Every structure is written in structure tokens, then in C-alpha cells.
Amino acid sequence: MANLPRIRRAGASQEPSDDVVELGGPDVQRIEAHGLTWLNIEAPTEIETAWLAERYDFHSLDYEDVLSRRRQRPKIDEYDEYVFLVLYFPRFDKGTGRLQGAELNVFVSDNLLITLPKEPLKPLDAFWSRCNSREDERDRYMRQGAGYLLYEIVDALYDYCFPILDKIGFKLDALEDAMFDGQSDEAVRDISNVKQEIINYRKTIKPQRPTLRMLERSTQRYAPQDLELYFDDIVDKSERIWDLLEGYKEMAEALEATNESLITHRLNEIIKVLTMLSAVVLPLSLIAAFYGMNIDTLPLSSHGWWSFLFTIGIMVALAGSMIAWFRRKGWL
């Protein structure tokens, strides 16, 4: 465990007096209640990290992680004076139209919680708004220390995962109906998109599972009560999400295999019809080829128009007999 100087606490004159710092300065939202300060900095830049560095002796490597554009692994870094967390939660990116993992960095210390989401997280924004606008909500969540407030935030973020899973399940059910309604070709792209969503969701959740199991032990010192049962509930939600993702993954793979079978079956039916058509036309083409030769000695070649009708009759009878035979064999 690294040894760092005690965190510098800013004086009253240094702290911003409003929820958002003045225009042109660092964009820092703040809520204070029961001696606990919650700072929220969305999409932090060098301005915000410099502002934090002036007030708190967090490790420089943590600030690098906050500013890094590369995807970090979920982790917990414990220090004498604070804990630094990197967590990920699913978020639908409207720009790419895909489900992505949104990074949330958190500093937890005695009477201090700093959340730094790199992308907007709706559950976090809604939770912040409730605490900021309603005194009862603020008292409920902030009176039991930074560890308990962190639990409530992470719990709200995991609760938001289930509606996203419900949407994926609804898409899979709709795809199954579309496949058997004759829309197999259109379903190919939709199945690919759903599989990509499931893969991205799994990439977000899987590396975080062991991190969640350490979360209670790392933050217990910042809560006045035992939080083991609370964080066990988050671990349980994470496992339920993973189980649902495993089921959706298997369902998507089964739908893809079934859809390919339906497309192949329909293609085989088309090829069979075309083959039968070719088999019927082939002898007719042979007869027409014979009488297309300029040879006077061919049968019926010089008996007038009735010989033409007779030849056509033979060709029709031959085609009809072949079709009847194909039906008798069950090929048509």
C-alpha cells in the first residue's frame, strides 16, 4: 500500500460556492451534507485534474488514468489516505449506434467522494439531480459516509443495466418472430448487431467481476457500518447480469444458426425448382433443335402446318408426363 501525505483540504475561500464552477474555469459539481463532500466532474480535462491536484494529493498515476484515452482495466488502487477505482458500465452511444462501456473513475476518502465519468451516465446524472434538488434524498444517501454513498451510486448504475438487458432480450424475441415470418435475409444484419451488443456488454462486465468482490473491503473504512451485505447485493446483481448475458449469447448463436438453415433451405427449394424446370425444358429443346436443322428427310418435316401442331402436341405431352412423374416422386 503506497504511503502518501495527507490529502490537502481546500479552505472555504478556495471551494466553489455554486454547484458548477464559474464559466471558463473547471467544471466541478459539488454537494455537501453531513460533513461529506461529493464532487462530480464529467469528462474531466487537464483543467479539472489540475484543479484537483491543487487541492488533493492524489497520486500522479491516478491523474494519468483519469486523463488517459486508452481503455483501462477495472481496478482498485488502495492508498493510506484514499482509494482510487476504475469501473465500467454499459452505455448506448448514439454516435456509433452501438453499446459501449463507459468508464467511471472514483476517488474515495474520509468524508470525500469524487466521481469522474468519462462519458455521460444517465443513472449517475439522475442520482446527482435527486441529491442536489431534494434534501431528504441528500440526507438519506450522504449521512452514512463516503463508502455508503459509493455503494448507492454503483447500485444505481447496476440497476440501469437490467433495462438494457431487457431491450436485448426483446430484440432477440423480435428476431425469432421475423425469421419465421419469412424475413430471414433482413434478420442477418440485425442478428449481427445484437451479437455485437452482447459482446460489448460482456467485455464491460466480465473484467469487473473480481473487482466488485474487493470493493467492500477497500471502502469499508469510509463507512460507519458494515457494508458487506450491501456490496454482496451488487456482486449478486453482477452475477445475474452475467448469467443473462450468457443466455443471450447462446440464444443469439442459436438464432444465427437457425437463420442460416432457413436461408439455406429456401435456397435449396429455389435450386430444386430451377433444376426441375431445366429437366423439363431439356428434351423440348432437343426436339426443337432437331427440327431446326435444314434437313428435308426428318419425320413430318414437309407435311404442312398440321405437322407443326403435332410436334407441339408431342412436346406438351412430354413436358406434362415429366411433371407428373416428378410429382409422383415427391420432387415437386
Protein backbone atom coordinates (compact mmCIF):
# COMPACT_ATOMS: atom_id res chain seq x y z
CA MET A 1 0.00 0.00 0.00
CA ALA A 2 1.51 3.33 -1.03
CA ASN A 3 2.26 5.98 1.59
CA LEU A 4 1.18 9.47 0.61
CA PRO A 5 0.90 12.74 2.52
CA ARG A 6 -2.49 13.54 3.97
CA ILE A 7 -4.93 14.93 1.46
CA ARG A 8 -4.91 18.71 1.39
CA ARG A 9 -8.32 20.09 2.18
CA ALA A 10 -9.19 23.36 0.47
CA GLY A 11 -10.25 26.22 2.65
CA ALA A 12 -13.69 27.76 2.46
CA SER A 13 -12.46 30.56 0.22
CA GLN A 14 -10.97 28.08 -2.24
CA GLU A 15 -14.04 25.91 -2.74
CA PRO A 16 -16.59 26.89 -5.40
CA SER A 17 -19.73 28.36 -3.92
CA ASP A 18 -22.06 27.08 -6.65
CA ASP A 19 -22.84 23.61 -7.97
CA VAL A 20 -20.83 24.41 -11.10
CA VAL A 21 -17.68 26.50 -11.07
CA GLU A 22 -17.75 29.79 -12.95
CA LEU A 23 -17.63 29.81 -16.74
CA GLY A 24 -14.11 29.39 -18.08
CA GLY A 25 -12.89 27.51 -15.01
CA PRO A 26 -13.00 23.82 -14.13
CA ASP A 27 -16.45 22.26 -14.47
CA VAL A 28 -16.87 20.82 -10.97
CA GLN A 29 -20.24 19.97 -9.44
CA ARG A 30 -20.41 19.79 -5.65
CA ILE A 31 -22.83 18.65 -2.98
CA GLU A 32 -22.13 18.85 0.74
CA ALA A 33 -24.15 17.27 3.54
CA HIS A 34 -23.39 15.79 6.97
CA GLY A 35 -19.71 16.63 6.61
CA LEU A 36 -19.44 14.65 3.36
CA THR A 37 -18.43 16.33 0.09
CA TRP A 38 -19.36 14.81 -3.24
CA LEU A 39 -17.65 16.24 -6.31
CA ASN A 40 -18.78 15.18 -9.77
CA ILE A 41 -16.64 16.03 -12.81
CA GLU A 42 -17.98 14.80 -16.12
CA ALA A 43 -15.50 14.18 -18.97
CA PRO A 44 -12.55 15.61 -16.97
CA THR A 45 -9.85 17.51 -18.82
CA GLU A 46 -6.44 18.80 -17.77
CA ILE A 47 -8.16 21.87 -16.31
CA GLU A 48 -10.21 19.77 -13.88
CA THR A 49 -7.32 17.47 -12.95
CA ALA A 50 -5.07 20.48 -12.32
CA TRP A 51 -7.81 21.92 -10.10
CA LEU A 52 -7.94 18.65 -8.16
CA ALA A 53 -4.15 18.43 -7.92
CA GLU A 54 -4.05 21.86 -6.26
CA ARG A 55 -6.37 20.65 -3.52
CA TYR A 56 -5.72 16.93 -3.09
CA ASP A 57 -2.50 14.91 -3.01
CA PHE A 58 -3.71 12.09 -5.21
CA HIS A 59 -1.04 10.03 -6.93
CA SER A 60 0.11 11.31 -10.32
CA LEU A 61 -0.53 7.88 -11.87
CA ASP A 62 -4.19 8.17 -10.87
CA TYR A 63 -4.44 11.51 -12.64
CA GLU A 64 -2.86 9.88 -15.69
CA ASP A 65 -5.54 7.19 -15.60
CA VAL A 66 -8.23 9.86 -15.36
CA LEU A 67 -6.90 11.66 -18.45
CA SER A 68 -5.90 8.57 -20.43
CA ARG A 69 -7.85 7.92 -23.63
CA ARG A 70 -6.91 4.27 -23.58
CA ARG A 71 -9.26 1.78 -22.02
CA GLN A 72 -8.11 0.88 -18.51
CA ARG A 73 -8.84 -2.39 -16.79
CA PRO A 74 -11.31 -2.21 -13.89
CA LYS A 75 -9.21 -1.93 -10.76
CA ILE A 76 -8.94 -0.76 -7.16
CA ASP A 77 -5.81 1.08 -6.01
CA GLU A 78 -5.60 1.41 -2.22
CA TYR A 79 -3.54 4.10 -0.52
CA ASP A 80 -3.20 5.17 3.09
CA GLU A 81 -5.41 8.21 2.61
CA TYR A 82 -7.78 7.21 -0.19
CA VAL A 83 -8.93 4.58 -2.67
CA PHE A 84 -8.96 5.02 -6.45
CA LEU A 85 -11.42 2.99 -8.53
CA VAL A 86 -11.83 2.36 -12.25
CA LEU A 87 -15.21 0.86 -13.13
CA TYR A 88 -17.17 0.39 -16.35
CA PHE A 89 -20.87 0.45 -17.11
CA PRO A 90 -22.80 -0.12 -20.36
CA ARG A 91 -23.88 2.95 -22.29
CA PHE A 92 -25.58 3.29 -25.68
CA ASP A 93 -23.53 5.54 -27.93
CA LYS A 94 -25.89 7.38 -30.29
CA GLY A 95 -22.97 8.46 -32.48
CA THR A 96 -21.93 4.91 -33.38
CA GLY A 97 -25.31 3.31 -32.70
CA ARG A 98 -23.64 0.67 -30.54
CA LEU A 99 -23.47 -0.33 -26.92
CA GLN A 100 -20.17 0.70 -25.35
CA GLY A 101 -18.54 0.53 -21.94
CA ALA A 102 -18.40 3.93 -20.20
CA GLU A 103 -15.50 4.46 -17.79
CA LEU A 104 -16.12 5.82 -14.31
CA ASN A 105 -13.17 6.88 -12.16
CA VAL A 106 -13.76 7.38 -8.44
CA PHE A 107 -11.72 8.77 -5.57
CA VAL A 108 -12.95 7.72 -2.12
CA SER A 109 -11.55 9.24 1.03
CA ASP A 110 -12.66 10.19 4.51
CA ASN A 111 -15.69 12.49 4.04
CA LEU A 112 -14.90 12.90 0.34
CA LEU A 113 -16.18 11.22 -2.81
CA ILE A 114 -15.14 12.31 -6.30
CA THR A 115 -16.79 10.75 -9.36
CA LEU A 116 -15.25 11.34 -12.79
CA PRO A 117 -17.29 9.73 -15.59
CA LYS A 118 -15.57 9.98 -18.97
CA GLU A 119 -18.92 9.81 -20.76
CA PRO A 120 -22.40 10.85 -19.59
CA LEU A 121 -24.07 8.17 -17.48
CA LYS A 122 -27.83 8.65 -17.15
CA PRO A 123 -28.19 6.83 -13.79
CA LEU A 124 -25.38 8.88 -12.28
CA ASP A 125 -26.87 12.14 -13.61
CA ALA A 126 -30.30 11.19 -12.24
CA PHE A 127 -28.84 10.23 -8.86
CA TRP A 128 -26.92 13.52 -8.71
CA SER A 129 -30.04 15.51 -9.57
CA ARG A 130 -32.05 13.83 -6.80
CA CYS A 131 -29.39 14.51 -4.19
CA ASN A 132 -28.89 18.08 -5.39
CA SER A 133 -32.58 19.04 -5.51
CA ARG A 134 -34.08 17.09 -2.61
CA GLU A 135 -32.86 17.43 0.95
CA ASP A 136 -34.41 14.13 2.07
CA GLU A 137 -32.55 12.25 -0.66
CA ARG A 138 -29.34 14.05 0.20
CA ASP A 139 -29.69 13.14 3.89
CA ARG A 140 -30.59 9.56 3.07
CA TYR A 141 -27.54 8.86 0.94
CA MET A 142 -24.85 11.11 2.43
CA ARG A 143 -25.33 10.75 6.17
CA GLN A 144 -23.59 7.35 6.32
CA GLY A 145 -20.24 8.27 4.82
CA ALA A 146 -18.45 8.10 1.50
CA GLY A 147 -18.43 4.30 1.39
CA TYR A 148 -22.21 4.06 1.63
CA LEU A 149 -22.69 6.83 -0.94
CA LEU A 150 -20.39 4.93 -3.31
CA TYR A 151 -22.49 1.81 -2.80
CA GLU A 152 -25.68 3.69 -3.69
CA ILE A 153 -24.11 5.12 -6.85
CA VAL A 154 -22.75 1.78 -8.04
CA ASP A 155 -26.06 0.11 -7.16
CA ALA A 156 -28.00 2.67 -9.23
CA LEU A 157 -25.64 2.12 -12.17
CA TYR A 158 -26.11 -1.65 -11.99
CA ASP A 159 -29.88 -1.29 -11.72
CA TYR A 160 -29.75 0.57 -15.04
CA CYS A 161 -28.08 -2.46 -16.63
CA PHE A 162 -31.26 -4.53 -16.44
CA PRO A 163 -33.42 -2.33 -18.73
CA ILE A 164 -30.63 -2.54 -21.33
CA LEU A 165 -30.68 -6.33 -20.98
CA ASP A 166 -34.47 -6.32 -21.36
CA LYS A 167 -34.09 -4.44 -24.66
CA ILE A 168 -31.60 -7.02 -25.90
CA GLY A 169 -33.99 -9.81 -24.93
CA PHE A 170 -36.84 -8.06 -26.72
CA LYS A 171 -34.69 -7.73 -29.86
CA LEU A 172 -33.89 -11.44 -29.78
CA ASP A 173 -37.59 -12.35 -29.45
CA ALA A 174 -38.49 -10.00 -32.31
CA LEU A 175 -35.76 -11.53 -34.47
CA GLU A 176 -37.07 -15.02 -33.84
CA ASP A 177 -40.56 -13.95 -34.95
CA ALA A 178 -39.18 -12.17 -38.03
CA MET A 179 -37.17 -15.21 -39.08
CA PHE A 180 -40.21 -17.48 -39.20
CA ASP A 181 -42.25 -14.77 -40.93
CA GLY A 182 -40.03 -15.05 -43.99
CA GLN A 183 -37.66 -12.19 -43.18
CA SER A 184 -34.50 -14.25 -42.87
CA ASP A 185 -32.45 -12.06 -45.20
CA GLU A 186 -33.33 -8.89 -43.28
CA ALA A 187 -32.58 -10.61 -39.97
CA VAL A 188 -28.93 -11.31 -40.86
CA ARG A 189 -27.78 -7.74 -40.15
CA ASP A 190 -30.00 -7.45 -37.04
CA ILE A 191 -28.58 -10.66 -35.59
CA SER A 192 -25.06 -9.35 -36.19
CA ASN A 193 -25.90 -6.08 -34.41
CA VAL A 194 -27.40 -7.87 -31.41
CA LYS A 195 -24.38 -10.18 -31.17
CA GLN A 196 -22.12 -7.12 -31.21
CA GLU A 197 -24.13 -5.56 -28.37
CA ILE A 198 -23.85 -8.74 -26.33
CA ILE A 199 -20.09 -8.95 -26.98
CA ASN A 200 -19.57 -5.32 -25.92
CA TYR A 201 -21.72 -5.86 -22.84
CA ARG A 202 -19.68 -8.94 -21.89
CA LYS A 203 -16.43 -7.00 -22.42
CA THR A 204 -17.74 -4.40 -19.98
CA ILE A 205 -18.99 -6.75 -17.27
CA LYS A 206 -16.53 -9.68 -17.29
CA PRO A 207 -13.27 -7.93 -16.24
CA GLN A 208 -15.14 -6.10 -13.46
CA ARG A 209 -16.48 -9.13 -11.63
CA PRO A 210 -13.39 -9.77 -9.43
CA THR A 211 -13.06 -6.02 -8.78
CA LEU A 212 -16.55 -5.85 -7.30
CA ARG A 213 -15.70 -8.57 -4.81
CA MET A 214 -12.89 -6.39 -3.42
CA LEU A 215 -14.97 -3.22 -3.34
CA GLU A 216 -16.48 -3.73 0.11
CA ARG A 217 -13.15 -4.49 1.77
CA SER A 218 -11.48 -1.47 0.19
CA THR A 219 -14.15 1.09 1.10
CA GLN A 220 -15.29 -0.26 4.47
CA ARG A 221 -13.07 2.18 6.37
CA TYR A 222 -15.03 5.08 4.87
CA ALA A 223 -18.42 3.93 6.20
CA PRO A 224 -19.69 3.89 9.80
CA GLN A 225 -21.39 0.50 9.35
CA ASP A 226 -20.64 -2.89 7.88
CA LEU A 227 -21.32 -2.72 4.14
CA GLU A 228 -20.64 -6.37 3.35
CA LEU A 229 -24.30 -7.24 2.76
CA TYR A 230 -24.76 -4.14 0.60
CA PHE A 231 -21.82 -4.85 -1.68
CA ASP A 232 -22.73 -8.55 -1.76
CA ASP A 233 -26.00 -7.39 -3.32
CA ILE A 234 -24.05 -5.59 -6.06
CA VAL A 235 -21.96 -8.72 -6.67
CA ASP A 236 -25.20 -10.71 -6.90
CA LYS A 237 -26.58 -8.26 -9.48
CA SER A 238 -23.36 -8.52 -11.46
CA GLU A 239 -23.62 -12.32 -11.49
CA ARG A 240 -27.26 -12.16 -12.57
CA ILE A 241 -26.31 -9.81 -15.39
CA TRP A 242 -23.54 -12.19 -16.45
CA ASP A 243 -25.92 -15.17 -16.39
CA LEU A 244 -28.41 -13.28 -18.57
CA LEU A 245 -25.63 -12.34 -20.97
CA GLU A 246 -24.55 -15.97 -21.21
CA GLY A 247 -28.12 -16.97 -22.00
CA TYR A 248 -28.49 -14.20 -24.59
CA LYS A 249 -25.17 -15.18 -26.17
CA GLU A 250 -26.34 -18.78 -26.60
CA MET A 251 -29.73 -17.60 -27.88
CA ALA A 252 -28.12 -15.27 -30.44
CA GLU A 253 -25.85 -18.05 -31.68
CA ALA A 254 -28.83 -20.42 -31.96
CA LEU A 255 -30.84 -17.79 -33.85
CA GLU A 256 -27.93 -17.21 -36.22
CA ALA A 257 -27.61 -20.95 -36.91
CA THR A 258 -31.37 -21.30 -37.38
CA ASN A 259 -31.48 -18.29 -39.69
CA GLU A 260 -28.67 -19.73 -41.81
CA SER A 261 -30.55 -23.03 -42.01
CA LEU A 262 -33.72 -21.24 -43.14
CA ILE A 263 -31.83 -19.30 -45.80
CA THR A 264 -30.11 -22.49 -47.00
CA HIS A 265 -33.42 -24.35 -47.06
CA ARG A 266 -35.08 -21.61 -49.12
CA LEU A 267 -32.10 -21.53 -51.47
CA ASN A 268 -32.30 -25.30 -51.92
CA GLU A 269 -36.00 -25.00 -52.75
CA ILE A 270 -35.22 -22.40 -55.41
CA ILE A 271 -32.43 -24.54 -56.87
CA LYS A 272 -34.75 -27.58 -56.90
CA VAL A 273 -37.45 -25.71 -58.84
CA LEU A 274 -34.90 -24.39 -61.32
CA THR A 275 -33.43 -27.87 -61.74
CA MET A 276 -36.88 -29.35 -62.42
CA LEU A 277 -37.57 -26.59 -64.92
CA SER A 278 -34.29 -27.33 -66.68
CA ALA A 279 -35.09 -31.06 -66.75
CA VAL A 280 -38.48 -30.36 -68.37
CA VAL A 281 -37.11 -27.91 -70.93
CA LEU A 282 -34.11 -30.06 -71.92
CA PRO A 283 -35.98 -32.70 -74.05
CA LEU A 284 -38.15 -29.98 -75.57
CA SER A 285 -35.03 -28.10 -76.57
CA LEU A 286 -33.65 -31.31 -78.08
CA ILE A 287 -36.75 -31.78 -80.27
CA ALA A 288 -36.71 -28.12 -81.32
CA ALA A 289 -33.00 -28.44 -82.19
CA PHE A 290 -33.66 -31.42 -84.47
CA TYR A 291 -36.38 -29.64 -86.41
CA GLY A 292 -34.28 -26.52 -86.56
CA MET A 293 -31.87 -28.30 -88.90
CA ASN A 294 -32.40 -27.78 -92.66
CA ILE A 295 -32.90 -31.49 -93.45
CA ASP A 296 -35.94 -32.46 -95.55
CA THR A 297 -35.87 -36.13 -94.56
CA LEU A 298 -36.85 -35.52 -90.90
CA PRO A 299 -40.25 -37.05 -89.97
CA LEU A 300 -43.18 -34.64 -90.54
CA SER A 301 -40.80 -32.01 -91.89
CA SER A 302 -42.83 -31.49 -95.08
CA HIS A 303 -46.46 -32.19 -94.12
CA GLY A 304 -47.68 -28.62 -93.65
CA TRP A 305 -48.95 -26.76 -90.63
CA TRP A 306 -50.63 -29.78 -89.02
CA SER A 307 -47.21 -31.44 -88.63
CA PHE A 308 -46.11 -28.38 -86.63
CA LEU A 309 -49.15 -28.74 -84.35
CA PHE A 310 -48.46 -32.45 -83.98
CA THR A 311 -44.87 -31.75 -82.93
CA ILE A 312 -46.02 -29.13 -80.42
CA GLY A 313 -48.50 -31.66 -79.02
CA ILE A 314 -45.74 -34.20 -78.54
CA MET A 315 -43.62 -31.63 -76.71
CA VAL A 316 -46.51 -30.61 -74.42
CA ALA A 317 -47.34 -34.24 -73.68
CA LEU A 318 -43.69 -34.97 -72.89
CA ALA A 319 -43.44 -31.98 -70.56
CA GLY A 320 -46.72 -32.93 -68.81
CA SER A 321 -45.63 -36.52 -68.33
CA MET A 322 -42.31 -35.41 -66.82
CA ILE A 323 -44.02 -33.03 -64.40
CA ALA A 324 -46.47 -35.78 -63.38
CA TRP A 325 -43.55 -38.14 -62.79
CA PHE A 326 -41.73 -35.54 -60.65
CA ARG A 327 -44.87 -35.06 -58.56
CA ARG A 328 -45.26 -38.83 -58.14
CA LYS A 329 -41.68 -39.00 -56.86
CA GLY A 330 -42.39 -36.15 -54.45
CA TRP A 331 -39.84 -33.84 -56.02
CA LEU A 332 -42.43 -31.13 -56.71
